[in-house]
Amino acid sequence: MTGWGEYVAAWAVFLLTHAVPVQRPVKLWLVECLGHASFWLTYSLLSIVVLAWMIEAAARAPFVELWPRAEWQNHVTLTTMALACLILSLAVFRPNPFSFGGWRNDDFDPERPGIVGLVRHPVLAALALWALGHLAPNGDIAHVVMFGGFLAFSVFGMAMIDRRHQHSMGSELWQRLRPRRIPHDIANPVRWLAAAMALAGLIVLHPLVIGLPAVW
């Protein structure tokens, strides 16, 4: 299966794997069978595999250009990816009761919310930045649909998770816990260094994994 058929199939699998496992009855059953940590590890690995297939399927789809490549587009991608790496670096191993997953959520302190004070859904925010940054230099139909779809998925996903958690927590607890403070650790040098190393690693790995240089 090649061309548009593979591309459509990849999209269908992506939507199914991101819609079904997070439904409450299904999620509770999977967590009971696998355990909380194993569920999220399996879900994360599955998401990465499906994402890799989606990227490969878009590359193999028929090329229909909407706009040409230009040098300025490279700067857009690097800027958004730097911000995405920083958000993820500030979010990793931090409690976050407002998004999916989280780390020691019972320890969350609304007075010291960390990056959650600015971004309640750091993973989806980073995905949105990745998609937005990669839209500019990929002006063919398959990639515009893919990156545009990921961008829409991220934005609508944030809103859906907010509604779900607000309903499950109740309005009073939601308003009490919902942070409205600038992250106290926004200037943490260790996490900034981690973000820089992550960005450098992505630049080095990009031609090896994707087949195209990240900087040109």
N, C-alpha and C. Protein backbone atom coordinates (compact mmCIF):
# COMPACT_ATOMS: atom_id res chain seq x y z
N MET A 1 0.85 -1.20 0.00
CA MET A 1 0.00 0.00 0.00
C MET A 1 0.89 1.25 0.00
N THR A 2 0.80 2.05 -1.05
CA THR A 2 1.63 3.24 -1.16
C THR A 2 0.77 4.43 -1.56
N GLY A 3 1.43 5.60 -1.68
CA GLY A 3 0.75 6.79 -2.15
C GLY A 3 -0.28 7.27 -1.15
N TRP A 4 -1.41 7.75 -1.67
CA TRP A 4 -2.45 8.31 -0.82
C TRP A 4 -3.11 7.27 0.06
N GLY A 5 -3.15 6.00 -0.39
CA GLY A 5 -3.76 4.94 0.42
C GLY A 5 -3.03 4.75 1.75
N GLU A 6 -1.71 4.69 1.70
CA GLU A 6 -0.93 4.54 2.92
C GLU A 6 -1.10 5.77 3.81
N TYR A 7 -1.14 6.93 3.19
CA TYR A 7 -1.26 8.18 3.95
C TYR A 7 -2.59 8.23 4.71
N VAL A 8 -3.67 7.87 4.05
CA VAL A 8 -4.99 7.84 4.69
C VAL A 8 -5.01 6.79 5.80
N ALA A 9 -4.40 5.64 5.57
CA ALA A 9 -4.36 4.59 6.59
C ALA A 9 -3.57 5.07 7.81
N ALA A 10 -2.47 5.76 7.59
CA ALA A 10 -1.67 6.27 8.70
C ALA A 10 -2.47 7.26 9.53
N TRP A 11 -3.24 8.11 8.86
CA TRP A 11 -4.08 9.07 9.58
C TRP A 11 -5.16 8.34 10.40
N ALA A 12 -5.74 7.31 9.81
CA ALA A 12 -6.79 6.57 10.52
C ALA A 12 -6.24 5.91 11.78
N VAL A 13 -5.07 5.30 11.67
CA VAL A 13 -4.45 4.66 12.84
C VAL A 13 -4.07 5.70 13.87
N PHE A 14 -3.56 6.84 13.42
CA PHE A 14 -3.20 7.91 14.36
C PHE A 14 -4.41 8.36 15.17
N LEU A 15 -5.52 8.60 14.49
CA LEU A 15 -6.72 9.07 15.18
C LEU A 15 -7.27 8.02 16.13
N LEU A 16 -7.26 6.75 15.70
CA LEU A 16 -7.76 5.68 16.56
C LEU A 16 -6.90 5.51 17.81
N THR A 17 -5.58 5.52 17.64
CA THR A 17 -4.68 5.28 18.77
C THR A 17 -4.65 6.46 19.73
N HIS A 18 -5.12 7.63 19.30
CA HIS A 18 -5.15 8.78 20.20
C HIS A 18 -6.55 9.06 20.73
N ALA A 19 -7.55 8.38 20.19
CA ALA A 19 -8.92 8.60 20.66
C ALA A 19 -9.40 7.48 21.58
N VAL A 20 -9.10 6.24 21.22
CA VAL A 20 -9.65 5.10 21.97
C VAL A 20 -8.98 4.89 23.33
N PRO A 21 -7.64 4.83 23.42
CA PRO A 21 -7.02 4.49 24.72
C PRO A 21 -7.28 5.50 25.83
N VAL A 22 -7.58 6.75 25.49
CA VAL A 22 -7.77 7.76 26.53
C VAL A 22 -9.24 7.89 26.95
N GLN A 23 -10.14 7.13 26.31
CA GLN A 23 -11.52 7.12 26.79
C GLN A 23 -11.54 6.50 28.18
N ARG A 24 -12.28 7.10 29.09
CA ARG A 24 -12.18 6.72 30.50
C ARG A 24 -12.36 5.21 30.76
N PRO A 25 -13.40 4.56 30.24
CA PRO A 25 -13.54 3.12 30.51
C PRO A 25 -12.36 2.31 29.97
N VAL A 26 -11.91 2.65 28.76
CA VAL A 26 -10.79 1.93 28.15
C VAL A 26 -9.50 2.19 28.93
N LYS A 27 -9.29 3.46 29.28
CA LYS A 27 -8.07 3.81 30.01
C LYS A 27 -8.02 3.11 31.36
N LEU A 28 -9.13 3.11 32.09
CA LEU A 28 -9.17 2.45 33.40
C LEU A 28 -8.87 0.96 33.28
N TRP A 29 -9.43 0.32 32.26
CA TRP A 29 -9.18 -1.10 32.04
C TRP A 29 -7.72 -1.36 31.70
N LEU A 30 -7.14 -0.52 30.84
CA LEU A 30 -5.73 -0.69 30.46
C LEU A 30 -4.80 -0.44 31.64
N VAL A 31 -5.10 0.58 32.43
CA VAL A 31 -4.28 0.87 33.60
C VAL A 31 -4.35 -0.29 34.60
N GLU A 32 -5.54 -0.87 34.74
CA GLU A 32 -5.70 -2.00 35.65
C GLU A 32 -4.89 -3.20 35.16
N CYS A 33 -4.84 -3.39 33.84
CA CYS A 33 -4.13 -4.54 33.28
C CYS A 33 -2.61 -4.32 33.26
N LEU A 34 -2.20 -3.10 32.91
CA LEU A 34 -0.78 -2.84 32.69
C LEU A 34 -0.09 -2.15 33.86
N GLY A 35 -0.88 -1.44 34.68
CA GLY A 35 -0.29 -0.58 35.68
C GLY A 35 -0.15 0.83 35.12
N HIS A 36 -0.13 1.84 35.99
CA HIS A 36 -0.13 3.24 35.55
C HIS A 36 1.11 3.56 34.73
N ALA A 37 2.29 3.21 35.26
CA ALA A 37 3.53 3.55 34.57
C ALA A 37 3.64 2.83 33.23
N SER A 38 3.30 1.53 33.21
CA SER A 38 3.40 0.76 31.97
C SER A 38 2.41 1.26 30.92
N PHE A 39 1.23 1.68 31.38
CA PHE A 39 0.24 2.22 30.43
C PHE A 39 0.80 3.43 29.71
N TRP A 40 1.33 4.39 30.48
CA TRP A 40 1.82 5.61 29.85
C TRP A 40 3.07 5.36 29.02
N LEU A 41 3.92 4.42 29.43
CA LEU A 41 5.09 4.08 28.63
C LEU A 41 4.66 3.46 27.31
N THR A 42 3.71 2.52 27.38
CA THR A 42 3.22 1.87 26.16
C THR A 42 2.53 2.87 25.25
N TYR A 43 1.70 3.72 25.84
CA TYR A 43 0.98 4.73 25.06
C TYR A 43 1.96 5.68 24.38
N SER A 44 3.02 6.09 25.09
CA SER A 44 4.01 7.01 24.52
C SER A 44 4.77 6.35 23.37
N LEU A 45 5.19 5.09 23.57
CA LEU A 45 5.91 4.39 22.52
C LEU A 45 5.03 4.18 21.29
N LEU A 46 3.77 3.83 21.52
CA LEU A 46 2.84 3.66 20.40
C LEU A 46 2.66 4.96 19.64
N SER A 47 2.55 6.07 20.37
CA SER A 47 2.38 7.37 19.73
C SER A 47 3.59 7.71 18.87
N ILE A 48 4.80 7.39 19.35
CA ILE A 48 6.02 7.68 18.60
C ILE A 48 6.07 6.84 17.33
N VAL A 49 5.72 5.55 17.44
CA VAL A 49 5.74 4.67 16.28
C VAL A 49 4.74 5.14 15.22
N VAL A 50 3.53 5.48 15.64
CA VAL A 50 2.51 5.93 14.69
C VAL A 50 2.92 7.27 14.07
N LEU A 51 3.51 8.16 14.88
CA LEU A 51 3.98 9.44 14.35
C LEU A 51 5.06 9.22 13.29
N ALA A 52 5.99 8.29 13.56
CA ALA A 52 7.05 8.00 12.59
C ALA A 52 6.45 7.46 11.28
N TRP A 53 5.44 6.59 11.41
CA TRP A 53 4.79 6.08 10.21
C TRP A 53 4.10 7.20 9.45
N MET A 54 3.44 8.10 10.17
CA MET A 54 2.76 9.22 9.53
C MET A 54 3.75 10.07 8.72
N ILE A 55 4.91 10.34 9.30
CA ILE A 55 5.92 11.14 8.61
C ILE A 55 6.42 10.43 7.36
N GLU A 56 6.67 9.12 7.47
CA GLU A 56 7.11 8.35 6.32
C GLU A 56 6.02 8.30 5.25
N ALA A 57 4.78 8.14 5.65
CA ALA A 57 3.68 8.07 4.69
C ALA A 57 3.52 9.39 3.96
N ALA A 58 3.70 10.51 4.68
CA ALA A 58 3.60 11.82 4.03
C ALA A 58 4.72 12.00 3.02
N ALA A 59 5.92 11.50 3.34
CA ALA A 59 7.05 11.62 2.42
C ALA A 59 6.84 10.79 1.15
N ARG A 60 6.12 9.66 1.29
CA ARG A 60 5.89 8.79 0.14
C ARG A 60 4.63 9.16 -0.65
N ALA A 61 3.81 10.06 -0.11
CA ALA A 61 2.61 10.47 -0.83
C ALA A 61 2.98 11.30 -2.08
N PRO A 62 2.11 11.32 -3.07
CA PRO A 62 2.39 12.12 -4.27
C PRO A 62 2.68 13.58 -3.92
N PHE A 63 3.69 14.16 -4.56
CA PHE A 63 4.12 15.52 -4.24
C PHE A 63 3.31 16.52 -5.06
N VAL A 64 2.55 17.37 -4.35
CA VAL A 64 1.79 18.44 -4.99
C VAL A 64 2.14 19.73 -4.25
N GLU A 65 2.92 20.59 -4.90
CA GLU A 65 3.45 21.78 -4.22
C GLU A 65 2.41 22.89 -4.12
N LEU A 66 2.35 23.50 -2.94
CA LEU A 66 1.50 24.67 -2.72
C LEU A 66 2.32 25.95 -2.65
N TRP A 67 3.53 25.87 -2.07
CA TRP A 67 4.47 26.99 -2.06
C TRP A 67 5.90 26.45 -2.03
N PRO A 68 6.87 27.20 -2.55
CA PRO A 68 8.25 26.72 -2.65
C PRO A 68 9.03 26.90 -1.35
N ARG A 69 10.17 26.21 -1.25
CA ARG A 69 11.06 26.38 -0.11
C ARG A 69 11.77 27.73 -0.22
N ALA A 70 12.01 28.35 0.94
CA ALA A 70 12.75 29.62 1.00
C ALA A 70 13.63 29.61 2.24
N GLU A 71 14.70 30.40 2.24
CA GLU A 71 15.67 30.37 3.33
C GLU A 71 15.05 30.81 4.66
N TRP A 72 14.13 31.78 4.64
CA TRP A 72 13.56 32.29 5.89
C TRP A 72 12.76 31.23 6.65
N GLN A 73 12.26 30.23 5.92
CA GLN A 73 11.46 29.19 6.56
C GLN A 73 12.28 28.39 7.58
N ASN A 74 13.57 28.23 7.31
CA ASN A 74 14.44 27.51 8.21
C ASN A 74 14.50 28.18 9.58
N HIS A 75 14.50 29.51 9.61
CA HIS A 75 14.57 30.24 10.88
C HIS A 75 13.26 30.06 11.68
N VAL A 76 12.14 29.98 10.97
CA VAL A 76 10.86 29.75 11.65
C VAL A 76 10.89 28.40 12.36
N THR A 77 11.37 27.37 11.66
CA THR A 77 11.41 26.03 12.25
C THR A 77 12.33 25.98 13.45
N LEU A 78 13.53 26.53 13.34
CA LEU A 78 14.49 26.49 14.45
C LEU A 78 13.98 27.26 15.66
N THR A 79 13.32 28.40 15.42
CA THR A 79 12.81 29.20 16.54
C THR A 79 11.71 28.47 17.29
N THR A 80 10.76 27.91 16.55
CA THR A 80 9.66 27.21 17.21
C THR A 80 10.14 25.93 17.89
N MET A 81 11.12 25.25 17.30
CA MET A 81 11.64 24.03 17.92
C MET A 81 12.43 24.35 19.19
N ALA A 82 13.14 25.46 19.19
CA ALA A 82 13.85 25.87 20.41
C ALA A 82 12.86 26.12 21.54
N LEU A 83 11.76 26.78 21.23
CA LEU A 83 10.74 27.05 22.24
C LEU A 83 10.07 25.76 22.69
N ALA A 84 9.81 24.85 21.77
CA ALA A 84 9.20 23.56 22.12
C ALA A 84 10.11 22.77 23.05
N CYS A 85 11.41 22.74 22.75
CA CYS A 85 12.36 22.02 23.60
C CYS A 85 12.42 22.64 25.00
N LEU A 86 12.35 23.97 25.06
CA LEU A 86 12.39 24.64 26.36
C LEU A 86 11.16 24.31 27.19
N ILE A 87 9.98 24.33 26.57
CA ILE A 87 8.74 24.00 27.28
C ILE A 87 8.80 22.58 27.83
N LEU A 88 9.24 21.63 27.00
CA LEU A 88 9.33 20.25 27.46
C LEU A 88 10.37 20.09 28.56
N SER A 89 11.48 20.79 28.44
CA SER A 89 12.52 20.71 29.47
C SER A 89 12.03 21.24 30.81
N LEU A 90 11.25 22.31 30.78
CA LEU A 90 10.71 22.88 32.01
C LEU A 90 9.57 22.03 32.58
N ALA A 91 8.98 21.17 31.74
CA ALA A 91 7.81 20.39 32.18
C ALA A 91 8.15 18.99 32.66
N VAL A 92 9.27 18.42 32.19
CA VAL A 92 9.55 17.02 32.48
C VAL A 92 9.74 16.79 33.98
N PHE A 93 9.15 15.70 34.46
CA PHE A 93 9.22 15.32 35.88
C PHE A 93 8.66 16.41 36.80
N ARG A 94 7.64 17.12 36.31
CA ARG A 94 6.95 18.11 37.13
C ARG A 94 5.50 17.68 37.31
N PRO A 95 4.92 17.88 38.49
CA PRO A 95 3.51 17.54 38.67
C PRO A 95 2.61 18.46 37.83
N ASN A 96 1.60 17.86 37.23
CA ASN A 96 0.68 18.63 36.40
C ASN A 96 -0.68 17.93 36.37
N PRO A 97 -1.57 18.29 37.30
CA PRO A 97 -2.89 17.64 37.36
C PRO A 97 -3.84 18.10 36.26
N PHE A 98 -3.41 19.03 35.41
CA PHE A 98 -4.31 19.59 34.40
C PHE A 98 -4.18 18.93 33.05
N SER A 99 -3.13 18.17 32.83
CA SER A 99 -2.93 17.53 31.55
C SER A 99 -2.98 16.02 31.71
N PHE A 100 -2.78 15.27 30.62
CA PHE A 100 -2.75 13.82 30.74
C PHE A 100 -1.39 13.40 31.29
N GLY A 101 -1.38 12.30 32.01
CA GLY A 101 -0.13 11.84 32.60
C GLY A 101 0.19 12.63 33.84
N GLY A 102 1.35 13.24 33.87
CA GLY A 102 1.78 14.00 35.04
C GLY A 102 2.72 13.18 35.90
N TRP A 103 3.39 13.84 36.80
CA TRP A 103 4.40 13.21 37.65
C TRP A 103 4.15 13.66 39.08
N ARG A 104 3.76 12.73 39.96
CA ARG A 104 3.47 13.04 41.35
C ARG A 104 2.48 14.22 41.44
N ASN A 105 1.34 14.06 40.81
CA ASN A 105 0.37 15.16 40.73
C ASN A 105 -0.15 15.60 42.10
N ASP A 106 -0.11 14.70 43.08
CA ASP A 106 -0.56 15.08 44.42
C ASP A 106 0.36 16.12 45.06
N ASP A 107 1.58 16.26 44.53
CA ASP A 107 2.53 17.24 45.06
C ASP A 107 2.40 18.61 44.41
N PHE A 108 1.43 18.75 43.50
CA PHE A 108 1.30 20.02 42.79
C PHE A 108 0.95 21.15 43.75
N ASP A 109 1.69 22.26 43.65
CA ASP A 109 1.47 23.44 44.48
C ASP A 109 1.09 24.61 43.58
N PRO A 110 -0.16 25.09 43.62
CA PRO A 110 -0.56 26.20 42.75
C PRO A 110 0.20 27.49 43.02
N GLU A 111 0.86 27.57 44.19
CA GLU A 111 1.67 28.74 44.48
C GLU A 111 3.04 28.66 43.79
N ARG A 112 3.45 27.46 43.44
CA ARG A 112 4.72 27.24 42.73
C ARG A 112 4.46 26.25 41.59
N PRO A 113 3.77 26.72 40.56
CA PRO A 113 3.28 25.79 39.54
C PRO A 113 4.30 25.38 38.49
N GLY A 114 5.45 26.08 38.44
CA GLY A 114 6.38 25.80 37.37
C GLY A 114 5.82 26.24 36.03
N ILE A 115 6.19 25.54 34.97
CA ILE A 115 5.77 25.92 33.62
C ILE A 115 4.25 25.84 33.48
N VAL A 116 3.59 25.05 34.34
CA VAL A 116 2.13 24.92 34.28
C VAL A 116 1.46 26.27 34.54
N GLY A 117 2.18 27.20 35.17
CA GLY A 117 1.63 28.53 35.37
C GLY A 117 1.42 29.28 34.07
N LEU A 118 2.14 28.88 33.03
CA LEU A 118 1.97 29.51 31.71
C LEU A 118 1.33 28.57 30.70
N VAL A 119 1.68 27.29 30.78
CA VAL A 119 1.22 26.31 29.80
C VAL A 119 0.68 25.09 30.53
N ARG A 120 -0.64 24.91 30.54
CA ARG A 120 -1.22 23.77 31.26
C ARG A 120 -0.94 22.45 30.57
N HIS A 121 -0.70 22.50 29.26
CA HIS A 121 -0.51 21.28 28.48
C HIS A 121 0.81 21.36 27.71
N PRO A 122 1.94 21.22 28.38
CA PRO A 122 3.24 21.44 27.73
C PRO A 122 3.53 20.48 26.58
N VAL A 123 3.11 19.22 26.70
CA VAL A 123 3.37 18.27 25.61
C VAL A 123 2.60 18.67 24.36
N LEU A 124 1.32 18.98 24.52
CA LEU A 124 0.52 19.40 23.36
C LEU A 124 0.98 20.75 22.83
N ALA A 125 1.42 21.65 23.72
CA ALA A 125 1.95 22.93 23.27
C ALA A 125 3.22 22.74 22.44
N ALA A 126 4.10 21.83 22.89
CA ALA A 126 5.32 21.54 22.14
C ALA A 126 4.98 20.91 20.78
N LEU A 127 3.98 20.02 20.77
CA LEU A 127 3.56 19.41 19.51
C LEU A 127 3.00 20.47 18.56
N ALA A 128 2.24 21.42 19.09
CA ALA A 128 1.70 22.50 18.26
C ALA A 128 2.82 23.35 17.68
N LEU A 129 3.83 23.66 18.48
CA LEU A 129 4.96 24.45 17.99
C LEU A 129 5.75 23.67 16.94
N TRP A 130 5.94 22.37 17.18
CA TRP A 130 6.62 21.53 16.19
C TRP A 130 5.85 21.55 14.86
N ALA A 131 4.55 21.38 14.92
CA ALA A 131 3.74 21.37 13.70
C ALA A 131 3.77 22.72 13.01
N LEU A 132 3.61 23.80 13.78
CA LEU A 132 3.61 25.14 13.20
C LEU A 132 4.95 25.45 12.54
N GLY A 133 6.04 25.11 13.23
CA GLY A 133 7.36 25.40 12.69
C GLY A 133 7.67 24.61 11.43
N HIS A 134 7.13 23.40 11.31
CA HIS A 134 7.41 22.57 10.15
C HIS A 134 6.44 22.81 9.00
N LEU A 135 5.39 23.57 9.24
CA LEU A 135 4.49 23.92 8.14
C LEU A 135 5.19 24.80 7.11
N ALA A 136 5.97 25.77 7.60
CA ALA A 136 6.58 26.75 6.70
C ALA A 136 7.45 26.13 5.60
N PRO A 137 8.38 25.23 5.93
CA PRO A 137 9.25 24.70 4.87
C PRO A 137 8.69 23.48 4.15
N ASN A 138 7.48 23.07 4.46
CA ASN A 138 6.90 21.87 3.83
C ASN A 138 5.61 22.25 3.14
N GLY A 139 5.74 22.86 1.98
CA GLY A 139 4.59 23.43 1.30
C GLY A 139 3.92 22.52 0.29
N ASP A 140 3.93 21.21 0.51
CA ASP A 140 3.18 20.31 -0.36
C ASP A 140 1.94 19.83 0.38
N ILE A 141 0.97 19.34 -0.38
CA ILE A 141 -0.34 19.02 0.19
C ILE A 141 -0.25 18.01 1.34
N ALA A 142 0.50 16.93 1.14
CA ALA A 142 0.56 15.88 2.15
C ALA A 142 1.10 16.42 3.47
N HIS A 143 2.17 17.23 3.41
CA HIS A 143 2.77 17.74 4.64
C HIS A 143 1.94 18.87 5.25
N VAL A 144 1.31 19.67 4.42
CA VAL A 144 0.45 20.73 4.95
C VAL A 144 -0.73 20.10 5.71
N VAL A 145 -1.31 19.05 5.14
CA VAL A 145 -2.41 18.36 5.83
C VAL A 145 -1.90 17.73 7.12
N MET A 146 -0.71 17.12 7.07
CA MET A 146 -0.18 16.45 8.25
C MET A 146 0.13 17.44 9.37
N PHE A 147 0.97 18.44 9.06
CA PHE A 147 1.35 19.39 10.11
C PHE A 147 0.18 20.26 10.53
N GLY A 148 -0.66 20.64 9.57
CA GLY A 148 -1.87 21.39 9.93
C GLY A 148 -2.81 20.57 10.79
N GLY A 149 -2.89 19.27 10.50
CA GLY A 149 -3.73 18.38 11.31
C GLY A 149 -3.18 18.24 12.72
N PHE A 150 -1.87 18.10 12.86
CA PHE A 150 -1.26 18.01 14.18
C PHE A 150 -1.47 19.29 14.98
N LEU A 151 -1.39 20.42 14.29
CA LEU A 151 -1.61 21.70 14.96
C LEU A 151 -3.04 21.79 15.48
N ALA A 152 -4.00 21.43 14.64
CA ALA A 152 -5.41 21.45 15.06
C ALA A 152 -5.65 20.43 16.17
N PHE A 153 -5.05 19.25 16.03
CA PHE A 153 -5.19 18.21 17.06
C PHE A 153 -4.70 18.72 18.41
N SER A 154 -3.58 19.43 18.41
CA SER A 154 -3.01 19.93 19.66
C SER A 154 -3.89 21.00 20.29
N VAL A 155 -4.34 21.95 19.48
CA VAL A 155 -5.14 23.07 20.00
C VAL A 155 -6.48 22.56 20.54
N PHE A 156 -7.17 21.73 19.75
CA PHE A 156 -8.46 21.21 20.21
C PHE A 156 -8.28 20.24 21.36
N GLY A 157 -7.15 19.51 21.37
CA GLY A 157 -6.88 18.58 22.46
C GLY A 157 -6.74 19.30 23.79
N MET A 158 -6.09 20.45 23.79
CA MET A 158 -5.95 21.24 25.02
C MET A 158 -7.33 21.64 25.55
N ALA A 159 -8.19 22.10 24.66
CA ALA A 159 -9.53 22.53 25.08
C ALA A 159 -10.33 21.35 25.61
N MET A 160 -10.23 20.19 24.96
CA MET A 160 -10.99 19.01 25.39
C MET A 160 -10.51 18.52 26.76
N ILE A 161 -9.19 18.50 26.96
CA ILE A 161 -8.66 18.05 28.25
C ILE A 161 -9.07 19.02 29.36
N ASP A 162 -9.05 20.32 29.07
CA ASP A 162 -9.50 21.31 30.05
C ASP A 162 -10.94 21.04 30.48
N ARG A 163 -11.80 20.82 29.50
CA ARG A 163 -13.21 20.56 29.82
C ARG A 163 -13.36 19.29 30.63
N ARG A 164 -12.62 18.25 30.25
CA ARG A 164 -12.72 16.97 30.95
C ARG A 164 -12.26 17.10 32.40
N HIS A 165 -11.12 17.76 32.61
CA HIS A 165 -10.60 17.89 33.98
C HIS A 165 -11.45 18.84 34.81
N GLN A 166 -11.97 19.88 34.18
CA GLN A 166 -12.83 20.79 34.93
C GLN A 166 -14.08 20.07 35.40
N HIS A 167 -14.60 19.18 34.56
CA HIS A 167 -15.79 18.41 34.94
C HIS A 167 -15.46 17.41 36.05
N SER A 168 -14.31 16.72 35.93
CA SER A 168 -13.96 15.70 36.91
C SER A 168 -13.55 16.32 38.25
N MET A 169 -12.88 17.47 38.22
CA MET A 169 -12.45 18.13 39.45
C MET A 169 -13.58 18.89 40.13
N GLY A 170 -14.47 19.44 39.32
CA GLY A 170 -15.48 20.35 39.84
C GLY A 170 -14.97 21.78 39.71
N SER A 171 -15.87 22.70 39.48
CA SER A 171 -15.47 24.08 39.22
C SER A 171 -14.70 24.70 40.37
N GLU A 172 -15.10 24.38 41.61
CA GLU A 172 -14.44 25.01 42.76
C GLU A 172 -12.97 24.58 42.86
N LEU A 173 -12.71 23.26 42.77
CA LEU A 173 -11.34 22.78 42.86
C LEU A 173 -10.53 23.23 41.65
N TRP A 174 -11.17 23.24 40.49
CA TRP A 174 -10.47 23.68 39.27
C TRP A 174 -9.99 25.12 39.43
N GLN A 175 -10.86 26.00 39.90
CA GLN A 175 -10.48 27.40 40.05
C GLN A 175 -9.43 27.58 41.15
N ARG A 176 -9.50 26.76 42.19
CA ARG A 176 -8.54 26.90 43.29
C ARG A 176 -7.14 26.43 42.88
N LEU A 177 -7.09 25.35 42.12
CA LEU A 177 -5.80 24.79 41.72
C LEU A 177 -5.23 25.45 40.48
N ARG A 178 -6.10 26.00 39.64
CA ARG A 178 -5.65 26.55 38.37
C ARG A 178 -4.62 27.65 38.61
N PRO A 179 -3.38 27.45 38.16
CA PRO A 179 -2.32 28.41 38.46
C PRO A 179 -2.44 29.69 37.63
N ARG A 180 -2.08 30.79 38.26
CA ARG A 180 -2.07 32.08 37.57
C ARG A 180 -0.79 32.83 37.92
N ARG A 181 0.31 32.07 38.04
CA ARG A 181 1.57 32.67 38.45
C ARG A 181 2.64 32.39 37.40
N ILE A 182 3.59 33.33 37.28
CA ILE A 182 4.72 33.12 36.40
C ILE A 182 5.59 32.00 36.99
N PRO A 183 6.08 31.07 36.17
CA PRO A 183 6.89 29.98 36.71
C PRO A 183 8.07 30.49 37.53
N HIS A 184 8.22 29.94 38.75
CA HIS A 184 9.32 30.38 39.61
C HIS A 184 10.66 29.86 39.12
N ASP A 185 10.63 28.79 38.31
CA ASP A 185 11.88 28.19 37.85
C ASP A 185 12.11 28.41 36.36
N ILE A 186 11.53 29.49 35.81
CA ILE A 186 11.63 29.74 34.38
C ILE A 186 13.08 29.95 33.95
N ALA A 187 13.94 30.42 34.87
CA ALA A 187 15.33 30.70 34.52
C ALA A 187 16.27 29.60 35.02
N ASN A 188 15.74 28.42 35.33
CA ASN A 188 16.57 27.32 35.81
C ASN A 188 17.63 26.97 34.76
N PRO A 189 18.94 27.20 35.05
CA PRO A 189 19.97 26.99 34.04
C PRO A 189 20.11 25.54 33.60
N VAL A 190 19.85 24.61 34.51
CA VAL A 190 19.96 23.19 34.17
C VAL A 190 18.94 22.82 33.11
N ARG A 191 17.72 23.30 33.27
CA ARG A 191 16.66 22.96 32.31
C ARG A 191 16.86 23.69 30.99
N TRP A 192 17.41 24.91 31.02
CA TRP A 192 17.75 25.60 29.77
C TRP A 192 18.86 24.85 29.03
N LEU A 193 19.84 24.35 29.78
CA LEU A 193 20.91 23.57 29.17
C LEU A 193 20.36 22.29 28.56
N ALA A 194 19.44 21.65 29.28
CA ALA A 194 18.81 20.43 28.75
C ALA A 194 18.06 20.72 27.46
N ALA A 195 17.37 21.86 27.42
CA ALA A 195 16.64 22.25 26.21
C ALA A 195 17.61 22.48 25.04
N ALA A 196 18.73 23.15 25.32
CA ALA A 196 19.72 23.40 24.27
C ALA A 196 20.32 22.09 23.76
N MET A 197 20.59 21.16 24.67
CA MET A 197 21.13 19.87 24.26
C MET A 197 20.11 19.07 23.45
N ALA A 198 18.84 19.16 23.84
CA ALA A 198 17.79 18.47 23.09
C ALA A 198 17.69 19.03 21.67
N LEU A 199 17.73 20.35 21.55
CA LEU A 199 17.65 20.97 20.22
C LEU A 199 18.86 20.58 19.38
N ALA A 200 20.05 20.60 19.98
CA ALA A 200 21.25 20.21 19.25
C ALA A 200 21.15 18.75 18.80
N GLY A 201 20.64 17.89 19.68
CA GLY A 201 20.48 16.49 19.32
C GLY A 201 19.52 16.29 18.17
N LEU A 202 18.42 17.05 18.17
CA LEU A 202 17.46 16.96 17.07
C LEU A 202 18.08 17.42 15.75
N ILE A 203 18.90 18.47 15.81
CA ILE A 203 19.55 18.97 14.59
C ILE A 203 20.51 17.92 14.03
N VAL A 204 21.26 17.25 14.93
CA VAL A 204 22.22 16.24 14.50
C VAL A 204 21.50 15.01 13.95
N LEU A 205 20.42 14.59 14.61
CA LEU A 205 19.71 13.37 14.22
C LEU A 205 18.80 13.55 13.01
N HIS A 206 18.39 14.79 12.75
CA HIS A 206 17.41 15.05 11.68
C HIS A 206 17.82 14.45 10.34
N PRO A 207 19.05 14.70 9.84
CA PRO A 207 19.41 14.11 8.54
C PRO A 207 19.52 12.59 8.59
N LEU A 208 19.83 12.02 9.76
CA LEU A 208 19.97 10.58 9.88
C LEU A 208 18.61 9.90 9.92
N VAL A 209 17.64 10.53 10.59
CA VAL A 209 16.32 9.92 10.76
C VAL A 209 15.38 10.31 9.63
N ILE A 210 15.35 11.60 9.30
CA ILE A 210 14.41 12.11 8.30
C ILE A 210 15.00 12.08 6.89
N GLY A 211 16.34 12.20 6.81
CA GLY A 211 16.97 12.19 5.50
C GLY A 211 17.21 13.57 4.93
N LEU A 212 16.86 14.62 5.70
CA LEU A 212 17.07 15.99 5.26
C LEU A 212 17.73 16.78 6.39
N PRO A 213 18.64 17.71 6.06
CA PRO A 213 19.28 18.50 7.12
C PRO A 213 18.28 19.44 7.78
N ALA A 214 18.43 19.65 9.10
CA ALA A 214 17.57 20.59 9.80
C ALA A 214 18.00 22.02 9.55
N VAL A 215 19.25 22.22 9.20
CA VAL A 215 19.79 23.56 8.90
C VAL A 215 20.34 23.53 7.49
N TRP A 216 19.85 24.44 6.66
CA TRP A 216 20.33 24.47 5.27
C TRP A 216 20.41 25.91 4.79
